[in-house]
Every structure is written in C-alpha cells, then in structure tokens.
Amino acid sequence: MTTTNCNSIKGAPIDAVGAAKLPFAFASVIEPNQDVAAMLQIQQTMSLYAVLVDGKQFDKLDLVFHNDVWANYSALLGVLHPLSALKTGLQRSVSAVMTQHALTTQLVDVAKNGTSARSATYFTASHFGTEDFYGQTLWGWGTYEDYWIKESTTGRWKIIQRTMTYPGPLIGNISIFEDVFGDKSSTQKPAQSKRDLPLFWSSLPKSAILTRWLAGSS
C-alpha cells in the first residue's frame, strides 16, 4: 500500500490559511481560544440586521449599530454617518422593493481586550420589485467588513465601522429602484469601496470613539 503526500499533488492547498485572500486582510491568523460567547453575539447581531432590514424595522437598527457608526455602502448609497443618517439612507433605499438578505460565510476575530472585534460576512441580497415592477428582481453578492465594539453599559456588541463591497456587477433589473436612484443600466457595476479597512488594530482610528475603544487592544 502506498500513500501520497497531499502537498505533492499539483494544485493542493499547501497553506490554505496563509494563501487565502479575504475581502480585507487580517493582521495575523485568527487566534485560537476565541471568546465564543462574543462570537455568537456578533453572529446573532448580524442576523438581526438582515431581519430588521427585510422587515423594514429601521427604527430598531440601534440594536445593531453604534450611534457614531461610519458605514460605506459603496456606489448606491455612499457613506452614511452617524446612525440617524444610516437609518434614513437604508429606509429610502428599499422603500420601493421587498428584500431578502442571506448571510453565508463569516469570519469573526475578537480582540484580546474583549471589547472590540472585526468580521467579514458574505451576503446575497435579493430585491423584489413591487407594483409596476412586480415579478422583476435584482440580485447582489457582496461582503460586509465590520468593526465592532462592546458597549460597557449594555454589554451589546455593535458595529462602529462598516464597508460593503461587491465582487462583481448587480444582476437583474435595476430599474426597480428608479424612483430612489434614478434610471440606471442593469449592467452598471457598483464602484468598489475606496477606503480599505486597516490591517492592524493600532492603525484603526477614524472616529474618536473607535480610537478610545481600541487603545488597549494590543
């Protein structure tokens, strides 16, 4: 009986973790012994985001986002800051459609300080036309790249910074959004985010509160 070293097979993943190209680069391989409770809370909060948006309960997004949130939703919505602007922008963007956001692959990395974290979450967003556009659909595939902080008063994990990116064009009839964004070609490719998330915890400051929260993370 002979055995074969998988690393000798052409195309085998010699170093799967090291070779992986995530939507944003983690500074190092995710540490073992992560705070499982924190990870589960973050995953639950991400799921809550999808349910709230699809249910058009925008007034409850304060359960997901920090009041000082900075969110770049790419070409269609741009940068939304603070939370009040994010609520208004998201509500307006889906006012004429029904939606379903499906979250799939996810990585969560909790900082050693136990009060800050980052995550990358793949999603599929389905938008269904209404009234004159009933039966027509627009799909988008993308990634939510989020930084989180844990509130000291409530113990809740909330998103303080978000960047949403698309790996390719939206597919379907973008005209279902024409009352919101104007008439746009269905082949238009949303612009990629021009603001990359930083690679290291120490290089994170953009908002003052994020700087304070991450000061003790090293």
C-alpha atoms as a PDB file:
ATOM      1  CA  MET A   1       0.000   0.000   0.000  1.00  0.00           C
ATOM      2  CA  THR A   2       1.368   3.403  -0.954  1.00  0.00           C
ATOM      3  CA  THR A   3       0.491   6.785   0.428  1.00  0.00           C
ATOM      4  CA  THR A   4       0.659  10.159  -1.243  1.00  0.00           C
ATOM      5  CA  ASN A   5       1.562  13.408   0.438  1.00  0.00           C
ATOM      6  CA  CYS A   6      -1.240  15.790  -0.492  1.00  0.00           C
ATOM      7  CA  ASN A   7       1.241  18.643  -0.740  1.00  0.00           C
ATOM      8  CA  SER A   8       2.894  16.854  -3.649  1.00  0.00           C
ATOM      9  CA  ILE A   9      -0.325  16.884  -5.666  1.00  0.00           C
ATOM     10  CA  LYS A  10      -0.402  19.697  -8.188  1.00  0.00           C
ATOM     11  CA  GLY A  11      -2.847  22.342  -7.059  1.00  0.00           C
ATOM     12  CA  ALA A  12      -3.143  21.055  -3.486  1.00  0.00           C
ATOM     13  CA  PRO A  13      -3.630  23.750  -0.815  1.00  0.00           C
ATOM     14  CA  ILE A  14      -0.202  23.713   0.813  1.00  0.00           C
ATOM     15  CA  ASP A  15      -1.054  26.538   3.190  1.00  0.00           C
ATOM     16  CA  ALA A  16      -4.763  27.152   2.911  1.00  0.00           C
ATOM     17  CA  VAL A  17      -4.960  29.799   5.622  1.00  0.00           C
ATOM     18  CA  GLY A  18      -1.884  31.694   4.536  1.00  0.00           C
ATOM     19  CA  ALA A  19      -2.894  31.628   0.876  1.00  0.00           C
ATOM     20  CA  ALA A  20      -6.480  32.717   1.463  1.00  0.00           C
ATOM     21  CA  LYS A  21      -7.332  36.166   0.174  1.00  0.00           C
ATOM     22  CA  LEU A  22     -10.046  37.588   2.405  1.00  0.00           C
ATOM     23  CA  PRO A  23     -12.039  40.705   1.472  1.00  0.00           C
ATOM     24  CA  PHE A  24      -9.850  42.515   3.937  1.00  0.00           C
ATOM     25  CA  ALA A  25      -6.556  41.248   5.364  1.00  0.00           C
ATOM     26  CA  PHE A  26      -6.430  40.065   8.944  1.00  0.00           C
ATOM     27  CA  ALA A  27      -3.178  41.140  10.587  1.00  0.00           C
ATOM     28  CA  SER A  28      -2.447  37.525  11.530  1.00  0.00           C
ATOM     29  CA  VAL A  29      -4.053  34.117  11.599  1.00  0.00           C
ATOM     30  CA  ILE A  30      -7.085  34.185  13.898  1.00  0.00           C
ATOM     31  CA  GLU A  31      -6.019  33.200  17.383  1.00  0.00           C
ATOM     32  CA  PRO A  32      -7.363  30.016  18.982  1.00  0.00           C
ATOM     33  CA  ASN A  33      -9.364  30.151  22.201  1.00  0.00           C
ATOM     34  CA  GLN A  34     -11.563  32.954  20.943  1.00  0.00           C
ATOM     35  CA  ASP A  35     -14.336  34.346  23.138  1.00  0.00           C
ATOM     36  CA  VAL A  36     -17.085  32.040  21.881  1.00  0.00           C
ATOM     37  CA  ALA A  37     -19.859  33.946  23.653  1.00  0.00           C
ATOM     38  CA  ALA A  38     -18.744  37.186  21.980  1.00  0.00           C
ATOM     39  CA  MET A  39     -18.567  35.490  18.582  1.00  0.00           C
ATOM     40  CA  LEU A  40     -22.092  34.121  18.956  1.00  0.00           C
ATOM     41  CA  GLN A  41     -23.428  37.540  19.989  1.00  0.00           C
ATOM     42  CA  ILE A  42     -21.807  39.123  16.940  1.00  0.00           C
ATOM     43  CA  GLN A  43     -23.247  36.437  14.652  1.00  0.00           C
ATOM     44  CA  GLN A  44     -26.698  36.901  16.178  1.00  0.00           C
ATOM     45  CA  THR A  45     -26.480  40.661  15.738  1.00  0.00           C
ATOM     46  CA  MET A  46     -25.515  40.239  12.081  1.00  0.00           C
ATOM     47  CA  SER A  47     -28.565  38.017  11.601  1.00  0.00           C
ATOM     48  CA  LEU A  48     -30.704  40.599  13.377  1.00  0.00           C
ATOM     49  CA  TYR A  49     -29.507  43.227  10.886  1.00  0.00           C
ATOM     50  CA  ALA A  50     -30.772  41.167   7.952  1.00  0.00           C
ATOM     51  CA  VAL A  51     -34.130  40.506   9.609  1.00  0.00           C
ATOM     52  CA  LEU A  52     -34.632  44.177  10.551  1.00  0.00           C
ATOM     53  CA  VAL A  53     -33.834  45.465   7.056  1.00  0.00           C
ATOM     54  CA  ASP A  54     -36.016  42.865   5.346  1.00  0.00           C
ATOM     55  CA  GLY A  55     -38.808  43.610   7.820  1.00  0.00           C
ATOM     56  CA  LYS A  56     -38.314  47.370   7.313  1.00  0.00           C
ATOM     57  CA  GLN A  57     -37.862  47.917  11.051  1.00  0.00           C
ATOM     58  CA  PHE A  58     -35.246  50.621  10.615  1.00  0.00           C
ATOM     59  CA  ASP A  59     -36.075  52.270  13.927  1.00  0.00           C
ATOM     60  CA  LYS A  60     -34.528  49.240  15.664  1.00  0.00           C
ATOM     61  CA  LEU A  61     -31.156  49.402  13.911  1.00  0.00           C
ATOM     62  CA  ASP A  62     -29.696  50.927  17.064  1.00  0.00           C
ATOM     63  CA  LEU A  63     -29.603  47.309  18.285  1.00  0.00           C
ATOM     64  CA  VAL A  64     -27.013  46.623  15.574  1.00  0.00           C
ATOM     65  CA  PHE A  65     -25.082  49.855  15.011  1.00  0.00           C
ATOM     66  CA  HIS A  66     -23.362  52.270  17.351  1.00  0.00           C
ATOM     67  CA  ASN A  67     -24.684  55.831  17.272  1.00  0.00           C
ATOM     68  CA  ASP A  68     -21.326  57.027  15.891  1.00  0.00           C
ATOM     69  CA  VAL A  69     -21.246  54.422  13.106  1.00  0.00           C
ATOM     70  CA  TRP A  70     -19.401  55.153   9.859  1.00  0.00           C
ATOM     71  CA  ALA A  71     -20.738  53.000   7.014  1.00  0.00           C
ATOM     72  CA  ASN A  72     -19.656  52.963   3.360  1.00  0.00           C
ATOM     73  CA  TYR A  73     -22.384  51.269   1.319  1.00  0.00           C
ATOM     74  CA  SER A  74     -20.494  51.759  -1.959  1.00  0.00           C
ATOM     75  CA  ALA A  75     -21.893  53.386  -5.092  1.00  0.00           C
ATOM     76  CA  LEU A  76     -25.637  53.238  -4.470  1.00  0.00           C
ATOM     77  CA  LEU A  77     -25.694  54.837  -1.016  1.00  0.00           C
ATOM     78  CA  GLY A  78     -22.189  56.111  -0.352  1.00  0.00           C
ATOM     79  CA  VAL A  79     -21.043  56.934   3.167  1.00  0.00           C
ATOM     80  CA  LEU A  80     -23.671  57.072   5.916  1.00  0.00           C
ATOM     81  CA  HIS A  81     -22.790  58.701   9.253  1.00  0.00           C
ATOM     82  CA  PRO A  82     -23.972  58.770  12.028  1.00  0.00           C
ATOM     83  CA  LEU A  83     -26.684  56.230  12.886  1.00  0.00           C
ATOM     84  CA  SER A  84     -29.571  58.578  12.088  1.00  0.00           C
ATOM     85  CA  ALA A  85     -28.246  59.038   8.534  1.00  0.00           C
ATOM     86  CA  LEU A  86     -27.769  55.286   8.151  1.00  0.00           C
ATOM     87  CA  LYS A  87     -31.368  54.605   9.200  1.00  0.00           C
ATOM     88  CA  THR A  88     -32.709  57.183   6.754  1.00  0.00           C
ATOM     89  CA  GLY A  89     -30.465  56.019   3.905  1.00  0.00           C
ATOM     90  CA  LEU A  90     -31.307  52.340   4.264  1.00  0.00           C
ATOM     91  CA  GLN A  91     -35.023  53.028   4.627  1.00  0.00           C
ATOM     92  CA  ARG A  92     -35.057  55.157   1.491  1.00  0.00           C
ATOM     93  CA  SER A  93     -33.013  52.650  -0.498  1.00  0.00           C
ATOM     94  CA  VAL A  94     -35.504  49.787  -0.131  1.00  0.00           C
ATOM     95  CA  SER A  95     -38.705  51.804   0.091  1.00  0.00           C
ATOM     96  CA  ALA A  96     -39.935  50.602  -3.317  1.00  0.00           C
ATOM     97  CA  VAL A  97     -38.881  46.944  -3.076  1.00  0.00           C
ATOM     98  CA  MET A  98     -39.122  43.869  -0.893  1.00  0.00           C
ATOM     99  CA  THR A  99     -35.814  42.318   0.135  1.00  0.00           C
ATOM    100  CA  GLN A 100     -34.198  39.197   1.492  1.00  0.00           C
ATOM    101  CA  HIS A 101     -30.621  39.291   2.788  1.00  0.00           C
ATOM    102  CA  ALA A 102     -28.977  35.868   3.144  1.00  0.00           C
ATOM    103  CA  LEU A 103     -25.749  35.778   5.177  1.00  0.00           C
ATOM    104  CA  THR A 104     -23.324  32.957   4.424  1.00  0.00           C
ATOM    105  CA  THR A 105     -19.572  32.565   5.031  1.00  0.00           C
ATOM    106  CA  GLN A 106     -18.295  34.518   8.014  1.00  0.00           C
ATOM    107  CA  LEU A 107     -15.097  35.092   9.980  1.00  0.00           C
ATOM    108  CA  VAL A 108     -15.102  36.793  13.382  1.00  0.00           C
ATOM    109  CA  ASP A 109     -11.960  37.882  15.235  1.00  0.00           C
ATOM    110  CA  VAL A 110     -12.336  39.157  18.807  1.00  0.00           C
ATOM    111  CA  ALA A 111      -9.515  41.340  20.122  1.00  0.00           C
ATOM    112  CA  LYS A 112      -7.626  40.375  23.259  1.00  0.00           C
ATOM    113  CA  ASN A 113      -9.144  43.291  25.149  1.00  0.00           C
ATOM    114  CA  GLY A 114     -12.566  41.623  24.863  1.00  0.00           C
ATOM    115  CA  THR A 115     -14.282  44.872  23.877  1.00  0.00           C
ATOM    116  CA  SER A 116     -13.517  45.147  20.152  1.00  0.00           C
ATOM    117  CA  ALA A 117     -13.755  42.770  17.204  1.00  0.00           C
ATOM    118  CA  ARG A 118     -13.823  42.588  13.427  1.00  0.00           C
ATOM    119  CA  SER A 119     -15.698  40.397  10.993  1.00  0.00           C
ATOM    120  CA  ALA A 120     -16.103  39.602   7.311  1.00  0.00           C
ATOM    121  CA  THR A 121     -19.510  38.307   6.208  1.00  0.00           C
ATOM    122  CA  TYR A 122     -20.543  37.233   2.720  1.00  0.00           C
ATOM    123  CA  PHE A 123     -24.114  38.021   1.711  1.00  0.00           C
ATOM    124  CA  THR A 124     -26.615  37.624  -1.083  1.00  0.00           C
ATOM    125  CA  ALA A 125     -29.183  40.426  -1.341  1.00  0.00           C
ATOM    126  CA  SER A 126     -32.349  39.763  -3.336  1.00  0.00           C
ATOM    127  CA  HIS A 127     -34.537  42.740  -4.232  1.00  0.00           C
ATOM    128  CA  PHE A 128     -38.059  42.120  -5.490  1.00  0.00           C
ATOM    129  CA  GLY A 129     -39.942  44.765  -7.459  1.00  0.00           C
ATOM    130  CA  THR A 130     -43.411  45.892  -6.466  1.00  0.00           C
ATOM    131  CA  GLU A 131     -46.402  47.415  -8.297  1.00  0.00           C
ATOM    132  CA  ASP A 132     -45.358  48.079 -11.924  1.00  0.00           C
ATOM    133  CA  PHE A 133     -42.146  46.093 -11.349  1.00  0.00           C
ATOM    134  CA  TYR A 134     -43.768  43.110  -9.658  1.00  0.00           C
ATOM    135  CA  GLY A 135     -42.072  39.887 -10.814  1.00  0.00           C
ATOM    136  CA  GLN A 136     -38.762  41.603 -11.566  1.00  0.00           C
ATOM    137  CA  THR A 137     -35.695  41.101  -9.385  1.00  0.00           C
ATOM    138  CA  LEU A 138     -32.228  42.476  -8.751  1.00  0.00           C
ATOM    139  CA  TRP A 139     -29.542  40.386  -7.032  1.00  0.00           C
ATOM    140  CA  GLY A 140     -26.298  41.467  -5.449  1.00  0.00           C
ATOM    141  CA  TRP A 141     -23.448  39.475  -3.924  1.00  0.00           C
ATOM    142  CA  GLY A 142     -21.026  41.139  -1.576  1.00  0.00           C
ATOM    143  CA  THR A 143     -19.179  41.338   1.712  1.00  0.00           C
ATOM    144  CA  TYR A 144     -19.815  43.265   4.895  1.00  0.00           C
ATOM    145  CA  GLU A 145     -16.488  44.202   6.503  1.00  0.00           C
ATOM    146  CA  ASP A 146     -17.252  45.337  10.038  1.00  0.00           C
ATOM    147  CA  TYR A 147     -15.510  46.584  13.144  1.00  0.00           C
ATOM    148  CA  TRP A 148     -17.351  46.093  16.423  1.00  0.00           C
ATOM    149  CA  ILE A 149     -17.215  47.483  19.933  1.00  0.00           C
ATOM    150  CA  LYS A 150     -18.843  46.141  23.074  1.00  0.00           C
ATOM    151  CA  GLU A 151     -20.882  48.698  24.983  1.00  0.00           C
ATOM    152  CA  SER A 152     -19.880  48.874  28.624  1.00  0.00           C
ATOM    153  CA  THR A 153     -23.366  49.849  29.774  1.00  0.00           C
ATOM    154  CA  THR A 154     -25.421  47.214  27.938  1.00  0.00           C
ATOM    155  CA  GLY A 155     -22.872  44.527  27.092  1.00  0.00           C
ATOM    156  CA  ARG A 156     -24.119  44.588  23.489  1.00  0.00           C
ATOM    157  CA  TRP A 157     -21.790  44.235  20.529  1.00  0.00           C
ATOM    158  CA  LYS A 158     -22.415  46.938  17.938  1.00  0.00           C
ATOM    159  CA  ILE A 159     -20.921  47.896  14.591  1.00  0.00           C
ATOM    160  CA  ILE A 160     -18.869  51.088  14.706  1.00  0.00           C
ATOM    161  CA  GLN A 161     -17.473  50.890  11.155  1.00  0.00           C
ATOM    162  CA  ARG A 162     -18.756  49.101   8.041  1.00  0.00           C
ATOM    163  CA  THR A 163     -17.541  48.811   4.466  1.00  0.00           C
ATOM    164  CA  MET A 164     -19.704  46.955   1.942  1.00  0.00           C
ATOM    165  CA  THR A 165     -18.025  45.748  -1.250  1.00  0.00           C
ATOM    166  CA  TYR A 166     -19.179  43.878  -4.364  1.00  0.00           C
ATOM    167  CA  PRO A 167     -17.007  41.331  -6.235  1.00  0.00           C
ATOM    168  CA  GLY A 168     -18.959  41.941  -9.443  1.00  0.00           C
ATOM    169  CA  PRO A 169     -21.957  43.689 -11.007  1.00  0.00           C
ATOM    170  CA  LEU A 170     -25.524  43.593  -9.805  1.00  0.00           C
ATOM    171  CA  ILE A 171     -27.614  41.103 -11.773  1.00  0.00           C
ATOM    172  CA  GLY A 172     -31.190  41.812 -12.853  1.00  0.00           C
ATOM    173  CA  ASN A 173     -33.314  44.880 -13.435  1.00  0.00           C
ATOM    174  CA  ILE A 174     -32.008  47.878 -11.519  1.00  0.00           C
ATOM    175  CA  SER A 175     -34.993  49.884 -12.780  1.00  0.00           C
ATOM    176  CA  ILE A 176     -36.975  48.562  -9.816  1.00  0.00           C
ATOM    177  CA  PHE A 177     -35.034  51.237  -7.870  1.00  0.00           C
ATOM    178  CA  GLU A 178     -35.589  54.053 -10.363  1.00  0.00           C
ATOM    179  CA  ASP A 179     -37.819  56.062  -8.009  1.00  0.00           C
ATOM    180  CA  VAL A 180     -34.959  56.090  -5.495  1.00  0.00           C
ATOM    181  CA  PHE A 181     -31.754  56.216  -7.543  1.00  0.00           C
ATOM    182  CA  GLY A 182     -32.986  57.284 -10.954  1.00  0.00           C
ATOM    183  CA  ASP A 183     -32.898  55.223 -14.139  1.00  0.00           C
ATOM    184  CA  LYS A 184     -29.673  53.212 -14.307  1.00  0.00           C
ATOM    185  CA  SER A 185     -28.483  50.484 -16.633  1.00  0.00           C
ATOM    186  CA  SER A 186     -28.792  46.942 -15.321  1.00  0.00           C
ATOM    187  CA  THR A 187     -25.211  46.321 -16.420  1.00  0.00           C
ATOM    188  CA  GLN A 188     -23.775  49.069 -14.252  1.00  0.00           C
ATOM    189  CA  LYS A 189     -21.090  47.818 -11.901  1.00  0.00           C
ATOM    190  CA  PRO A 190     -21.175  49.378  -8.421  1.00  0.00           C
ATOM    191  CA  ALA A 191     -17.941  51.064  -7.518  1.00  0.00           C
ATOM    192  CA  GLN A 192     -15.703  49.233  -5.112  1.00  0.00           C
ATOM    193  CA  SER A 193     -15.065  50.879  -1.789  1.00  0.00           C
ATOM    194  CA  LYS A 194     -12.075  53.187  -1.981  1.00  0.00           C
ATOM    195  CA  ARG A 195     -11.452  53.018   1.767  1.00  0.00           C
ATOM    196  CA  ASP A 196      -9.720  49.796   2.760  1.00  0.00           C
ATOM    197  CA  LEU A 197     -10.068  48.587   6.302  1.00  0.00           C
ATOM    198  CA  PRO A 198      -6.741  48.850   8.161  1.00  0.00           C
ATOM    199  CA  LEU A 199      -4.609  45.755   8.666  1.00  0.00           C
ATOM    200  CA  PHE A 200      -3.659  46.335  12.291  1.00  0.00           C
ATOM    201  CA  TRP A 201      -5.662  47.230  15.378  1.00  0.00           C
ATOM    202  CA  SER A 202      -3.279  50.108  16.158  1.00  0.00           C
ATOM    203  CA  SER A 203      -3.993  51.818  12.817  1.00  0.00           C
ATOM    204  CA  LEU A 204      -7.751  51.943  13.199  1.00  0.00           C
ATOM    205  CA  PRO A 205      -8.662  55.481  14.266  1.00  0.00           C
ATOM    206  CA  LYS A 206     -11.157  57.320  12.107  1.00  0.00           C
ATOM    207  CA  SER A 207     -13.695  58.226  14.717  1.00  0.00           C
ATOM    208  CA  ALA A 208     -12.634  59.422  18.159  1.00  0.00           C
ATOM    209  CA  ILE A 209     -14.684  56.795  19.966  1.00  0.00           C
ATOM    210  CA  LEU A 210     -13.108  53.980  17.933  1.00  0.00           C
ATOM    211  CA  THR A 211      -9.673  55.277  18.863  1.00  0.00           C
ATOM    212  CA  ARG A 212     -10.556  55.194  22.560  1.00  0.00           C
ATOM    213  CA  TRP A 213     -12.051  51.709  22.401  1.00  0.00           C
ATOM    214  CA  LEU A 214      -9.069  50.199  20.606  1.00  0.00           C
ATOM    215  CA  ALA A 215      -6.369  51.924  22.634  1.00  0.00           C
ATOM    216  CA  GLY A 216      -5.979  48.928  24.940  1.00  0.00           C
ATOM    217  CA  SER A 217      -6.285  46.153  22.373  1.00  0.00           C
ATOM    218  CA  SER A 218      -2.593  45.401  21.861  1.00  0.00           C
END
